[in-house]
Amino acid sequence: MQRSPDTPTGECRGHQTHLQVSAEITGHTYRFPCGRWLGKGVDDGSLERVLVGELTTPSAENEDRPCRTPPMQQSPGMMRRFVTISPNSKPKLNTGQIQEGVGEAINGIVKHFHKPEKERGSLAVLLCGEFGLVWALEQVFLHGFKSPRLFKNVFIWDFLEKAQAYFESPEPREKSQDENWQTRVRDFCRFMRAINSSPRSIGKDGKFQMLVCLGARDHQLHHWIALLADCPITAQMYEEFALIKEHTLVNSLIRVLQTLQEFNITLEASLVKGIGI
């Protein structure tokens, strides 16, 4: 579901905790968590957000009604032992918990493709839903992210844009990197430019979500993690203890992400709308 402010200019700002939609024919009720602001100059400046719904527990009066559509597949739930997501809190996880979160997100996608096609749920939930792949990689990039200056919010997308600017500068080309490295850099920068030039009014976190989804589709995520781990911008914007600066943990993360290479990931149109790539 795509949620936008009531006014197209975004001047009307509002905080959306969640949306709840009921299907009268099936009796199903879907909850679309959000917990974010919409509008210019607030949060990450997004005027629209793509929300992924989950089937809620049916009420007693609807339990006996026939079900004509399969329930949406739930994302992995083991991480609920460690965190409780709420609109006003972003808990900090340690490296072990982050690794487990990534592993569970990838495992959910692997299980999805190992099921018969008719029994598969929503891949969008496994990518963008609660504790999905986007959330898991967000924890990777938030770990050890240096605190911003007073009254200034810094997002993961800010870091990625700085990394892109470095890769497109003369400095890395002068270091005579091998052809594989140069190809991966070109691909990363091409995706970044395509997302930033999108006509959609998505904020910085929405752009990060789109990058992860496209990277999963095109089997690029493990390449990009390797690039960013060795990028000088990472040394500037992350603390020494950050996961992205720990080579052993980065190599483990790369191996886990490589698991996705064997699967043909097709993204729903709502996730990549307006991106010609």
Protein backbone atom coordinates (compact mmCIF):
# COMPACT_ATOMS: atom_id res chain seq x y z
CA MET A 1 0.00 0.00 0.00
CA GLN A 2 1.24 3.48 -0.88
CA ARG A 3 0.39 6.18 1.67
CA SER A 4 0.65 9.89 0.86
CA PRO A 5 -0.40 13.11 2.63
CA ASP A 6 -3.83 14.53 1.93
CA THR A 7 -2.31 17.47 0.05
CA PRO A 8 -0.02 16.88 -2.95
CA THR A 9 2.39 19.64 -1.87
CA GLY A 10 3.13 17.92 1.41
CA GLU A 11 2.47 21.11 3.37
CA CYS A 12 0.04 19.20 5.57
CA ARG A 13 2.30 17.20 7.87
CA GLY A 14 1.06 14.24 9.82
CA HIS A 15 2.25 11.26 11.82
CA GLN A 16 0.87 7.90 10.70
CA THR A 17 1.12 5.13 13.28
CA HIS A 18 -0.55 2.50 11.11
CA LEU A 19 -3.41 1.81 8.73
CA GLN A 20 -5.93 -0.99 9.10
CA VAL A 21 -7.86 -2.35 6.14
CA SER A 22 -10.64 -4.92 6.26
CA ALA A 23 -11.79 -7.08 3.34
CA GLU A 24 -15.51 -7.65 3.66
CA ILE A 25 -15.61 -10.65 1.32
CA THR A 26 -12.93 -12.71 3.09
CA GLY A 27 -13.27 -11.23 6.56
CA HIS A 28 -9.52 -10.62 6.68
CA THR A 29 -8.10 -7.56 8.38
CA TYR A 30 -4.66 -6.28 7.40
CA ARG A 31 -2.54 -3.96 9.49
CA PHE A 32 -0.03 -1.69 7.74
CA PRO A 33 2.54 -0.43 10.29
CA CYS A 34 4.12 2.95 9.62
CA GLY A 35 5.17 4.90 12.71
CA ARG A 36 6.61 7.73 10.60
CA TRP A 37 5.86 11.31 9.61
CA LEU A 38 4.74 12.43 6.17
CA GLY A 39 5.49 15.93 4.88
CA LYS A 40 8.25 18.28 3.83
CA GLY A 41 10.75 19.23 6.49
CA VAL A 42 9.82 16.47 8.94
CA ASP A 43 11.41 13.06 9.50
CA ASP A 44 13.23 12.16 6.25
CA GLY A 45 11.09 14.52 4.15
CA SER A 46 9.02 11.79 2.55
CA LEU A 47 5.70 12.67 0.92
CA GLU A 48 4.82 9.01 0.38
CA ARG A 49 5.63 5.70 1.98
CA VAL A 50 5.14 2.14 0.81
CA LEU A 51 3.57 0.17 3.65
CA VAL A 52 3.60 -3.61 3.84
CA GLY A 53 0.56 -5.16 5.48
CA GLU A 54 0.32 -8.21 7.69
CA LEU A 55 -2.74 -10.32 8.36
CA THR A 56 -4.03 -9.68 11.88
CA THR A 57 -5.62 -12.25 14.16
CA PRO A 58 -9.25 -12.67 13.09
CA SER A 59 -12.00 -11.71 15.50
CA ALA A 60 -14.19 -14.42 16.97
CA GLU A 61 -17.14 -13.50 14.78
CA ASN A 62 -15.08 -13.98 11.61
CA GLU A 63 -13.28 -17.20 12.51
CA ASP A 64 -15.90 -19.41 10.86
CA ARG A 65 -16.09 -17.45 7.63
CA PRO A 66 -14.60 -19.17 4.59
CA CYS A 67 -11.20 -17.96 3.42
CA ARG A 68 -10.88 -17.40 -0.32
CA THR A 69 -7.37 -15.98 -0.35
CA PRO A 70 -4.25 -17.37 1.33
CA PRO A 71 -2.97 -15.41 4.33
CA MET A 72 0.05 -13.23 3.76
CA GLN A 73 3.30 -14.91 4.71
CA GLN A 74 4.75 -13.60 7.94
CA SER A 75 8.32 -12.40 8.22
CA PRO A 76 10.66 -14.23 10.64
CA GLY A 77 9.76 -13.64 14.26
CA MET A 78 12.80 -14.71 16.31
CA MET A 79 14.08 -11.14 16.54
CA ARG A 80 11.05 -10.27 18.66
CA ARG A 81 13.03 -11.71 21.56
CA PHE A 82 15.45 -8.81 21.26
CA VAL A 83 13.47 -5.79 20.15
CA THR A 84 10.03 -4.27 20.37
CA ILE A 85 9.42 -1.82 17.55
CA SER A 86 7.40 1.25 18.45
CA PRO A 87 6.97 4.59 16.68
CA ASN A 88 9.09 6.41 19.25
CA SER A 89 11.98 3.99 19.79
CA LYS A 90 14.77 2.54 17.69
CA PRO A 91 16.54 0.00 19.87
CA LYS A 92 20.26 -0.54 19.42
CA LEU A 93 21.32 -4.11 18.76
CA ASN A 94 24.74 -5.66 19.24
CA THR A 95 26.63 -7.28 16.37
CA GLY A 96 25.46 -10.78 17.27
CA GLN A 97 21.81 -9.75 17.23
CA ILE A 98 22.27 -7.89 13.95
CA GLN A 99 23.89 -10.93 12.34
CA GLU A 100 21.04 -13.10 13.58
CA GLY A 101 18.53 -10.62 12.18
CA VAL A 102 20.17 -10.68 8.74
CA GLY A 103 20.36 -14.47 8.84
CA GLU A 104 16.69 -14.81 9.71
CA ALA A 105 15.67 -12.35 6.98
CA ILE A 106 17.68 -14.28 4.38
CA ASN A 107 16.39 -17.60 5.71
CA GLY A 108 12.82 -16.38 5.30
CA ILE A 109 13.48 -15.58 1.64
CA VAL A 110 15.17 -18.96 1.07
CA LYS A 111 12.19 -20.79 2.59
CA HIS A 112 9.86 -18.72 0.41
CA PHE A 113 11.48 -19.99 -2.79
CA HIS A 114 11.70 -23.58 -1.58
CA LYS A 115 7.93 -23.76 -1.23
CA PRO A 116 5.66 -24.73 -4.12
CA GLU A 117 4.72 -21.57 -5.99
CA LYS A 118 1.05 -21.78 -5.00
CA GLU A 119 1.98 -21.91 -1.31
CA ARG A 120 4.25 -18.88 -1.32
CA GLY A 121 3.20 -15.78 0.55
CA SER A 122 4.22 -12.21 -0.12
CA LEU A 123 7.87 -11.61 -0.96
CA ALA A 124 7.32 -7.91 -0.22
CA VAL A 125 6.74 -8.79 3.44
CA LEU A 126 10.04 -10.66 3.59
CA LEU A 127 11.86 -7.74 1.99
CA CYS A 128 10.15 -4.69 3.51
CA GLY A 129 8.02 -6.00 6.36
CA GLU A 130 8.80 -6.11 10.06
CA PHE A 131 12.23 -7.74 10.55
CA GLY A 132 12.58 -8.20 6.79
CA LEU A 133 15.75 -7.75 4.74
CA VAL A 134 15.49 -3.95 4.54
CA TRP A 135 15.15 -3.71 8.32
CA ALA A 136 18.04 -6.13 8.86
CA LEU A 137 20.43 -4.22 6.59
CA GLU A 138 19.30 -0.95 8.15
CA GLN A 139 20.59 -2.31 11.49
CA VAL A 140 23.92 -3.12 9.83
CA PHE A 141 24.35 0.46 8.63
CA LEU A 142 23.06 2.04 11.85
CA HIS A 143 25.55 0.15 14.02
CA GLY A 144 28.36 2.50 14.95
CA PHE A 145 26.97 5.32 12.80
CA LYS A 146 28.48 8.51 14.24
CA SER A 147 26.05 10.74 16.10
CA PRO A 148 24.97 13.76 14.06
CA ARG A 149 25.51 17.35 15.10
CA LEU A 150 22.92 18.98 17.32
CA PHE A 151 19.56 19.51 15.57
CA LYS A 152 20.77 17.79 12.40
CA ASN A 153 19.46 14.39 11.35
CA VAL A 154 21.77 12.18 9.32
CA PHE A 155 20.34 9.19 7.47
CA ILE A 156 21.91 6.10 5.94
CA TRP A 157 21.13 7.60 2.54
CA ASP A 158 23.37 10.58 3.37
CA PHE A 159 26.25 8.16 3.89
CA LEU A 160 25.47 6.33 0.64
CA GLU A 161 25.39 9.59 -1.31
CA LYS A 162 28.78 10.59 0.11
CA ALA A 163 30.14 7.17 -0.87
CA GLN A 164 28.72 7.63 -4.37
CA ALA A 165 30.40 11.04 -4.66
CA TYR A 166 33.71 9.48 -3.66
CA PHE A 167 33.39 6.62 -6.17
CA GLU A 168 32.60 9.11 -8.94
CA SER A 169 35.56 11.35 -8.08
CA PRO A 170 38.99 11.04 -9.77
CA GLU A 171 40.63 9.69 -6.58
CA PRO A 172 39.53 6.02 -6.74
CA ARG A 173 40.19 5.83 -10.48
CA GLU A 174 43.78 6.91 -9.87
CA LYS A 175 44.30 3.88 -7.63
CA SER A 176 44.01 1.52 -10.63
CA GLN A 177 41.42 -0.80 -9.13
CA ASP A 178 40.72 -4.04 -11.02
CA GLU A 179 37.95 -4.30 -13.61
CA ASN A 180 35.56 -6.19 -11.29
CA TRP A 181 35.81 -3.40 -8.73
CA GLN A 182 35.17 -0.75 -11.37
CA THR A 183 32.13 -2.64 -12.68
CA ARG A 184 30.64 -2.88 -9.19
CA VAL A 185 31.26 0.82 -8.60
CA ARG A 186 29.55 1.73 -11.87
CA ASP A 187 26.56 -0.44 -10.97
CA PHE A 188 26.26 1.05 -7.48
CA CYS A 189 26.44 4.62 -8.78
CA ARG A 190 23.98 3.84 -11.58
CA PHE A 191 21.39 2.58 -9.09
CA MET A 192 21.96 5.56 -6.79
CA ARG A 193 21.45 8.02 -9.66
CA ALA A 194 18.32 6.23 -10.86
CA ILE A 195 16.73 6.33 -7.40
CA ASN A 196 17.67 9.96 -6.77
CA SER A 197 16.24 11.01 -10.13
CA SER A 198 12.94 9.23 -9.53
CA PRO A 199 9.86 11.48 -9.83
CA ARG A 200 8.43 9.90 -6.69
CA SER A 201 8.29 11.95 -3.48
CA ILE A 202 9.98 9.35 -1.31
CA GLY A 203 12.23 10.27 1.59
CA LYS A 204 15.73 9.10 2.35
CA ASP A 205 14.65 5.94 4.16
CA GLY A 206 12.33 5.10 1.27
CA LYS A 207 15.26 5.45 -1.11
CA PHE A 208 17.31 3.09 1.04
CA GLN A 209 14.44 0.59 0.96
CA MET A 210 14.32 0.84 -2.82
CA LEU A 211 18.09 0.34 -3.12
CA VAL A 212 17.98 -2.81 -0.99
CA CYS A 213 15.08 -4.24 -3.00
CA LEU A 214 16.75 -3.51 -6.34
CA GLY A 215 20.07 -4.84 -5.05
CA ALA A 216 18.38 -8.07 -3.96
CA ARG A 217 16.64 -8.39 -7.33
CA ASP A 218 19.86 -7.91 -9.30
CA HIS A 219 22.08 -9.87 -6.86
CA GLN A 220 24.24 -6.85 -6.09
CA LEU A 221 23.93 -6.51 -2.32
CA HIS A 222 27.03 -8.52 -1.40
CA HIS A 223 29.11 -6.53 -3.92
CA TRP A 224 27.90 -3.22 -2.50
CA ILE A 225 28.63 -4.25 1.09
CA ALA A 226 32.21 -5.09 0.07
CA LEU A 227 32.60 -1.73 -1.70
CA LEU A 228 31.23 0.29 1.19
CA ALA A 229 33.27 -1.56 3.82
CA ASP A 230 36.50 -0.43 2.11
CA CYS A 231 35.31 3.08 1.22
CA PRO A 232 37.20 5.94 2.97
CA ILE A 233 33.84 7.62 3.66
CA THR A 234 33.01 4.71 5.97
CA ALA A 235 36.06 5.51 8.08
CA GLN A 236 34.84 9.09 8.42
CA MET A 237 31.20 8.40 9.28
CA TYR A 238 31.46 5.28 11.47
CA GLU A 239 32.96 4.56 14.87
CA GLU A 240 35.81 2.08 15.13
CA PHE A 241 33.55 -0.58 16.66
CA ALA A 242 31.01 -0.42 13.80
CA LEU A 243 30.06 -3.73 12.19
CA ILE A 244 30.74 -2.35 8.70
CA LYS A 245 34.38 -1.75 9.72
CA GLU A 246 34.95 -5.23 11.17
CA HIS A 247 36.33 -7.33 8.30
CA THR A 248 35.43 -10.70 9.81
CA LEU A 249 31.81 -9.66 10.33
CA VAL A 250 31.63 -8.04 6.88
CA ASN A 251 32.91 -11.22 5.22
CA SER A 252 30.30 -13.23 7.11
CA LEU A 253 27.59 -10.79 5.98
CA ILE A 254 28.76 -11.06 2.37
CA ARG A 255 28.58 -14.86 2.46
CA VAL A 256 25.03 -14.75 3.82
CA LEU A 257 23.89 -12.26 1.17
CA GLN A 258 25.42 -14.40 -1.58
CA THR A 259 22.75 -16.98 -0.78
CA LEU A 260 20.26 -14.83 -2.69
CA GLN A 261 22.10 -15.29 -5.99
CA GLU A 262 20.33 -18.55 -6.80
CA PHE A 263 16.85 -17.03 -6.65
CA ASN A 264 14.95 -15.04 -9.27
CA ILE A 265 13.51 -12.18 -7.23
CA THR A 266 10.63 -10.31 -8.84
CA LEU A 267 9.61 -7.06 -7.17
CA GLU A 268 6.07 -5.77 -6.93
CA ALA A 269 5.46 -2.69 -9.07
CA SER A 270 4.75 -0.50 -6.03
CA LEU A 271 8.30 -1.03 -4.75
CA VAL A 272 10.06 0.16 -7.92
CA LYS A 273 7.49 2.54 -9.39
CA GLY A 274 9.15 5.30 -11.42
CA ILE A 275 12.58 3.63 -11.51
CA GLY A 276 13.74 2.83 -15.02
CA ILE A 277 16.44 0.36 -14.14
